[in-house]
Amino acid sequence: MLGKLKIAGLALLGFLFVVGLVVTNSARAGPKLSPDELKQQVEQTYPVQVLGIRAVKADGKAAYAVTVMIRGGDFNDAFQVNTFIVDADTGVPISVFRHLASGYVLSGGGDRGTNRQ
């Protein structure tokens, strides 16, 4: 009987430990990727130079607006500057369009105004 009680106590203790980890991780503030980590990831993935990164919200989630310049070369879009929105936890680009049966809707993520510097 005492052995079963110890096992039940250890199981309960283990369960509470796991729940504590989940609550601690979910309550953690801020994105998983820092701006420096994101800059490195973007420059390794795409042939661009990151000019700036700022925190934004996209669909209610933490995201980054990443302003990049396409590296120079012998093509029409060399040195073109663009801004795109990426998920702050994964670094994956977020589409600004949501396709629907009747057309599309903008996601509301980021500022799509004309060039503001």
N, C-alpha and C. Protein backbone atom coordinates (compact mmCIF):
# COMPACT_ATOMS: atom_id res chain seq x y z
N MET A 1 0.82 -1.19 0.00
CA MET A 1 0.00 0.00 0.00
C MET A 1 0.87 1.26 0.00
N LEU A 2 1.94 1.25 0.80
CA LEU A 2 2.82 2.40 0.88
C LEU A 2 3.54 2.64 -0.46
N GLY A 3 3.89 1.53 -1.17
CA GLY A 3 4.55 1.64 -2.46
C GLY A 3 3.65 2.31 -3.49
N LYS A 4 2.37 1.96 -3.49
CA LYS A 4 1.40 2.57 -4.42
C LYS A 4 1.22 4.05 -4.11
N LEU A 5 1.24 4.39 -2.83
CA LEU A 5 1.10 5.78 -2.42
C LEU A 5 2.30 6.61 -2.89
N LYS A 6 3.52 6.03 -2.79
CA LYS A 6 4.71 6.74 -3.25
C LYS A 6 4.66 6.95 -4.77
N ILE A 7 4.23 5.91 -5.48
CA ILE A 7 4.14 6.02 -6.94
C ILE A 7 3.12 7.07 -7.33
N ALA A 8 1.98 7.08 -6.67
CA ALA A 8 0.95 8.07 -6.96
C ALA A 8 1.46 9.48 -6.64
N GLY A 9 2.18 9.62 -5.55
CA GLY A 9 2.74 10.92 -5.19
C GLY A 9 3.76 11.41 -6.19
N LEU A 10 4.63 10.48 -6.65
CA LEU A 10 5.62 10.86 -7.66
C LEU A 10 4.96 11.22 -8.99
N ALA A 11 3.92 10.47 -9.35
CA ALA A 11 3.20 10.77 -10.59
C ALA A 11 2.55 12.16 -10.50
N LEU A 12 1.96 12.46 -9.36
CA LEU A 12 1.34 13.78 -9.17
C LEU A 12 2.39 14.88 -9.23
N LEU A 13 3.52 14.66 -8.59
CA LEU A 13 4.61 15.63 -8.60
C LEU A 13 5.11 15.86 -10.02
N GLY A 14 5.28 14.79 -10.80
CA GLY A 14 5.71 14.91 -12.19
C GLY A 14 4.70 15.67 -13.03
N PHE A 15 3.41 15.38 -12.81
CA PHE A 15 2.35 16.07 -13.54
C PHE A 15 2.38 17.57 -13.24
N LEU A 16 2.51 17.93 -11.96
CA LEU A 16 2.55 19.33 -11.58
C LEU A 16 3.78 20.04 -12.16
N PHE A 17 4.90 19.32 -12.25
CA PHE A 17 6.10 19.89 -12.84
C PHE A 17 5.87 20.21 -14.32
N VAL A 18 5.26 19.27 -15.04
CA VAL A 18 4.99 19.48 -16.48
C VAL A 18 4.01 20.63 -16.67
N VAL A 19 2.95 20.68 -15.85
CA VAL A 19 1.99 21.78 -15.96
C VAL A 19 2.68 23.11 -15.68
N GLY A 20 3.56 23.14 -14.70
CA GLY A 20 4.30 24.36 -14.40
C GLY A 20 5.15 24.82 -15.57
N LEU A 21 5.79 23.87 -16.25
CA LEU A 21 6.60 24.23 -17.43
C LEU A 21 5.73 24.81 -18.53
N VAL A 22 4.58 24.19 -18.77
CA VAL A 22 3.68 24.67 -19.83
C VAL A 22 3.18 26.07 -19.51
N VAL A 23 2.76 26.29 -18.27
CA VAL A 23 2.26 27.61 -17.88
C VAL A 23 3.37 28.65 -17.96
N THR A 24 4.57 28.30 -17.53
CA THR A 24 5.69 29.24 -17.58
C THR A 24 6.03 29.60 -19.02
N ASN A 25 6.08 28.62 -19.91
CA ASN A 25 6.41 28.89 -21.31
C ASN A 25 5.33 29.67 -22.02
N SER A 26 4.06 29.39 -21.70
CA SER A 26 2.99 30.11 -22.37
C SER A 26 2.87 31.53 -21.86
N ALA A 27 3.30 31.79 -20.64
CA ALA A 27 3.22 33.13 -20.07
C ALA A 27 4.44 33.97 -20.43
N ARG A 28 5.44 33.36 -21.04
CA ARG A 28 6.67 34.06 -21.39
C ARG A 28 6.35 35.19 -22.38
N ALA A 29 6.82 36.36 -22.07
CA ALA A 29 6.53 37.51 -22.92
C ALA A 29 7.54 37.58 -24.05
N GLY A 30 7.07 38.09 -25.19
CA GLY A 30 7.97 38.34 -26.29
C GLY A 30 8.10 37.19 -27.26
N PRO A 31 8.59 37.50 -28.44
CA PRO A 31 8.76 36.49 -29.48
C PRO A 31 9.94 35.58 -29.21
N LYS A 32 9.93 34.43 -29.89
CA LYS A 32 11.02 33.47 -29.74
C LYS A 32 12.29 33.95 -30.45
N LEU A 33 12.12 34.63 -31.58
CA LEU A 33 13.28 35.10 -32.35
C LEU A 33 13.59 36.55 -31.99
N SER A 34 14.84 36.84 -31.74
CA SER A 34 15.24 38.23 -31.52
C SER A 34 15.43 38.88 -32.90
N PRO A 35 15.42 40.20 -32.97
CA PRO A 35 15.66 40.85 -34.26
C PRO A 35 17.00 40.46 -34.89
N ASP A 36 18.04 40.28 -34.07
CA ASP A 36 19.34 39.88 -34.62
C ASP A 36 19.29 38.48 -35.22
N GLU A 37 18.61 37.55 -34.53
CA GLU A 37 18.47 36.19 -35.06
C GLU A 37 17.66 36.20 -36.35
N LEU A 38 16.60 37.00 -36.37
CA LEU A 38 15.77 37.09 -37.57
C LEU A 38 16.56 37.67 -38.74
N LYS A 39 17.34 38.71 -38.48
CA LYS A 39 18.15 39.32 -39.54
C LYS A 39 19.09 38.28 -40.15
N GLN A 40 19.75 37.52 -39.30
CA GLN A 40 20.66 36.49 -39.79
C GLN A 40 19.91 35.44 -40.60
N GLN A 41 18.75 35.02 -40.12
CA GLN A 41 17.96 34.00 -40.82
C GLN A 41 17.50 34.50 -42.19
N VAL A 42 17.01 35.74 -42.26
CA VAL A 42 16.52 36.30 -43.52
C VAL A 42 17.66 36.45 -44.52
N GLU A 43 18.80 36.97 -44.07
CA GLU A 43 19.92 37.17 -45.00
C GLU A 43 20.52 35.85 -45.48
N GLN A 44 20.41 34.78 -44.70
CA GLN A 44 20.89 33.48 -45.15
C GLN A 44 19.90 32.80 -46.09
N THR A 45 18.60 33.11 -45.92
CA THR A 45 17.57 32.45 -46.72
C THR A 45 17.34 33.13 -48.06
N TYR A 46 17.41 34.47 -48.09
CA TYR A 46 17.10 35.23 -49.30
C TYR A 46 18.31 36.06 -49.70
N PRO A 47 18.43 36.39 -51.00
CA PRO A 47 19.57 37.22 -51.46
C PRO A 47 19.30 38.70 -51.21
N VAL A 48 19.17 39.08 -49.94
CA VAL A 48 18.83 40.45 -49.58
C VAL A 48 19.73 40.95 -48.46
N GLN A 49 19.71 42.26 -48.27
CA GLN A 49 20.36 42.89 -47.13
C GLN A 49 19.23 43.46 -46.27
N VAL A 50 19.19 43.11 -44.99
CA VAL A 50 18.16 43.62 -44.09
C VAL A 50 18.52 45.05 -43.70
N LEU A 51 17.59 45.98 -43.95
CA LEU A 51 17.80 47.38 -43.62
C LEU A 51 17.20 47.75 -42.28
N GLY A 52 16.14 47.06 -41.89
CA GLY A 52 15.51 47.38 -40.62
C GLY A 52 14.47 46.34 -40.24
N ILE A 53 14.25 46.22 -38.94
CA ILE A 53 13.25 45.29 -38.40
C ILE A 53 12.51 46.02 -37.29
N ARG A 54 11.17 45.96 -37.34
CA ARG A 54 10.38 46.55 -36.26
C ARG A 54 9.26 45.60 -35.87
N ALA A 55 8.92 45.62 -34.60
CA ALA A 55 7.87 44.75 -34.08
C ALA A 55 6.50 45.29 -34.48
N VAL A 56 5.62 44.38 -34.95
CA VAL A 56 4.25 44.72 -35.32
C VAL A 56 3.34 43.59 -34.86
N LYS A 57 2.04 43.77 -35.03
CA LYS A 57 1.05 42.72 -34.79
C LYS A 57 0.44 42.35 -36.13
N ALA A 58 0.30 41.06 -36.38
CA ALA A 58 -0.34 40.58 -37.60
C ALA A 58 -1.38 39.55 -37.19
N ASP A 59 -2.63 39.84 -37.47
CA ASP A 59 -3.73 38.96 -37.08
C ASP A 59 -3.72 38.70 -35.57
N GLY A 60 -3.34 39.70 -34.79
CA GLY A 60 -3.32 39.59 -33.34
C GLY A 60 -2.12 38.86 -32.77
N LYS A 61 -1.19 38.45 -33.61
CA LYS A 61 0.01 37.73 -33.15
C LYS A 61 1.24 38.61 -33.30
N ALA A 62 2.25 38.31 -32.50
CA ALA A 62 3.51 39.04 -32.61
C ALA A 62 4.16 38.74 -33.95
N ALA A 63 4.65 39.80 -34.58
CA ALA A 63 5.30 39.65 -35.89
C ALA A 63 6.36 40.74 -36.01
N TYR A 64 7.15 40.63 -37.07
CA TYR A 64 8.13 41.65 -37.38
C TYR A 64 7.89 42.15 -38.80
N ALA A 65 8.03 43.45 -39.01
CA ALA A 65 8.06 44.03 -40.35
C ALA A 65 9.54 44.14 -40.71
N VAL A 66 9.94 43.43 -41.73
CA VAL A 66 11.34 43.38 -42.13
C VAL A 66 11.51 44.15 -43.44
N THR A 67 12.32 45.19 -43.40
CA THR A 67 12.61 45.98 -44.60
C THR A 67 13.93 45.49 -45.17
N VAL A 68 13.89 45.09 -46.44
CA VAL A 68 15.07 44.51 -47.08
C VAL A 68 15.36 45.20 -48.40
N MET A 69 16.62 45.11 -48.82
CA MET A 69 17.02 45.59 -50.13
C MET A 69 17.62 44.41 -50.89
N ILE A 70 17.13 44.21 -52.10
CA ILE A 70 17.66 43.14 -52.94
C ILE A 70 19.08 43.51 -53.34
N ARG A 71 19.99 42.57 -53.21
CA ARG A 71 21.39 42.85 -53.54
C ARG A 71 21.54 43.21 -55.01
N GLY A 72 22.55 43.98 -55.30
CA GLY A 72 22.79 44.46 -56.66
C GLY A 72 23.12 43.35 -57.63
N GLY A 73 22.95 43.64 -58.89
CA GLY A 73 23.26 42.69 -59.93
C GLY A 73 22.80 43.23 -61.27
N ASP A 74 22.79 42.38 -62.28
CA ASP A 74 22.40 42.77 -63.63
C ASP A 74 20.95 42.38 -63.90
N PHE A 75 20.04 42.85 -63.07
CA PHE A 75 18.63 42.55 -63.27
C PHE A 75 17.79 43.75 -62.82
N ASN A 76 16.56 43.83 -63.29
CA ASN A 76 15.74 45.01 -63.09
C ASN A 76 15.40 45.32 -61.64
N ASP A 77 15.30 44.33 -60.79
CA ASP A 77 14.91 44.61 -59.40
C ASP A 77 16.10 44.72 -58.45
N ALA A 78 17.31 44.89 -58.98
CA ALA A 78 18.48 45.09 -58.13
C ALA A 78 18.30 46.38 -57.33
N PHE A 79 18.65 46.32 -56.07
CA PHE A 79 18.57 47.44 -55.14
C PHE A 79 17.13 47.87 -54.81
N GLN A 80 16.16 47.05 -55.17
CA GLN A 80 14.77 47.35 -54.83
C GLN A 80 14.56 47.14 -53.33
N VAL A 81 13.80 48.03 -52.69
CA VAL A 81 13.53 47.94 -51.25
C VAL A 81 12.09 47.50 -51.05
N ASN A 82 11.90 46.47 -50.22
CA ASN A 82 10.58 45.94 -49.91
C ASN A 82 10.47 45.71 -48.41
N THR A 83 9.23 45.68 -47.92
CA THR A 83 8.97 45.35 -46.53
C THR A 83 8.00 44.18 -46.53
N PHE A 84 8.31 43.16 -45.74
CA PHE A 84 7.39 42.04 -45.60
C PHE A 84 7.25 41.69 -44.14
N ILE A 85 6.17 40.98 -43.83
CA ILE A 85 5.82 40.64 -42.45
C ILE A 85 6.18 39.19 -42.20
N VAL A 86 6.85 38.91 -41.07
CA VAL A 86 7.20 37.54 -40.71
C VAL A 86 6.71 37.24 -39.30
N ASP A 87 6.41 35.98 -39.06
CA ASP A 87 6.00 35.52 -37.74
C ASP A 87 7.18 35.68 -36.78
N ALA A 88 6.94 36.26 -35.61
CA ALA A 88 8.02 36.54 -34.66
C ALA A 88 8.56 35.27 -34.01
N ASP A 89 7.79 34.19 -34.01
CA ASP A 89 8.26 32.96 -33.39
C ASP A 89 9.04 32.08 -34.35
N THR A 90 8.62 32.05 -35.62
CA THR A 90 9.23 31.12 -36.57
C THR A 90 10.08 31.79 -37.64
N GLY A 91 9.81 33.07 -37.92
CA GLY A 91 10.52 33.75 -39.00
C GLY A 91 9.93 33.47 -40.37
N VAL A 92 8.80 32.79 -40.43
CA VAL A 92 8.15 32.45 -41.70
C VAL A 92 7.34 33.66 -42.18
N PRO A 93 7.45 34.03 -43.46
CA PRO A 93 6.67 35.16 -43.98
C PRO A 93 5.16 34.91 -43.84
N ILE A 94 4.44 35.98 -43.53
CA ILE A 94 2.99 35.92 -43.39
C ILE A 94 2.37 36.60 -44.61
N SER A 95 1.44 35.93 -45.26
CA SER A 95 0.77 36.49 -46.42
C SER A 95 -0.12 37.64 -45.99
N VAL A 96 -0.15 38.72 -46.78
CA VAL A 96 -1.01 39.85 -46.46
C VAL A 96 -2.40 39.66 -47.04
N PHE A 97 -2.61 38.61 -47.83
CA PHE A 97 -3.91 38.33 -48.43
C PHE A 97 -4.53 37.09 -47.82
N ARG A 98 -5.84 37.12 -47.66
CA ARG A 98 -6.61 35.95 -47.25
C ARG A 98 -7.60 35.66 -48.36
N HIS A 99 -7.42 34.55 -49.07
CA HIS A 99 -8.29 34.21 -50.18
C HIS A 99 -9.61 33.67 -49.66
N LEU A 100 -10.69 34.22 -50.18
CA LEU A 100 -12.03 33.80 -49.82
C LEU A 100 -12.79 33.42 -51.08
N ALA A 101 -13.94 32.82 -50.91
CA ALA A 101 -14.75 32.42 -52.05
C ALA A 101 -15.14 33.63 -52.90
N SER A 102 -15.34 34.78 -52.26
CA SER A 102 -15.78 35.97 -52.99
C SER A 102 -14.63 36.91 -53.34
N GLY A 103 -13.39 36.50 -53.13
CA GLY A 103 -12.25 37.36 -53.44
C GLY A 103 -11.18 37.24 -52.38
N TYR A 104 -10.65 38.35 -51.94
CA TYR A 104 -9.60 38.32 -50.92
C TYR A 104 -9.80 39.47 -49.95
N VAL A 105 -9.15 39.33 -48.81
CA VAL A 105 -9.19 40.35 -47.77
C VAL A 105 -7.77 40.55 -47.28
N LEU A 106 -7.37 41.80 -47.05
CA LEU A 106 -6.05 42.06 -46.49
C LEU A 106 -6.03 41.63 -45.04
N SER A 107 -4.91 41.12 -44.58
CA SER A 107 -4.80 40.57 -43.23
C SER A 107 -4.80 41.62 -42.14
N GLY A 108 -4.46 42.85 -42.45
CA GLY A 108 -4.34 43.88 -41.43
C GLY A 108 -2.96 43.90 -40.81
N GLY A 109 -2.07 43.01 -41.25
CA GLY A 109 -0.73 42.95 -40.70
C GLY A 109 0.19 43.93 -41.39
N GLY A 110 0.74 44.84 -40.64
CA GLY A 110 1.73 45.74 -41.18
C GLY A 110 1.14 46.97 -41.87
N ASP A 111 2.00 47.88 -42.22
CA ASP A 111 1.63 49.13 -42.86
C ASP A 111 1.97 49.02 -44.33
N ARG A 112 0.97 49.16 -45.19
CA ARG A 112 1.22 49.04 -46.62
C ARG A 112 1.12 50.39 -47.31
N GLY A 113 1.47 51.46 -46.59
CA GLY A 113 1.45 52.79 -47.18
C GLY A 113 2.61 52.95 -48.15
N THR A 114 2.61 54.08 -48.83
CA THR A 114 3.70 54.34 -49.77
C THR A 114 5.01 54.50 -49.00
N ASN A 115 6.07 54.60 -49.72
CA ASN A 115 7.41 54.66 -49.09
C ASN A 115 7.48 55.78 -48.06
N ARG A 116 7.64 55.38 -46.82
CA ARG A 116 7.81 56.34 -45.72
C ARG A 116 9.15 56.06 -45.08
N GLN A 117 9.97 57.05 -45.06
CA GLN A 117 11.29 56.83 -44.50
C GLN A 117 11.61 57.80 -43.42
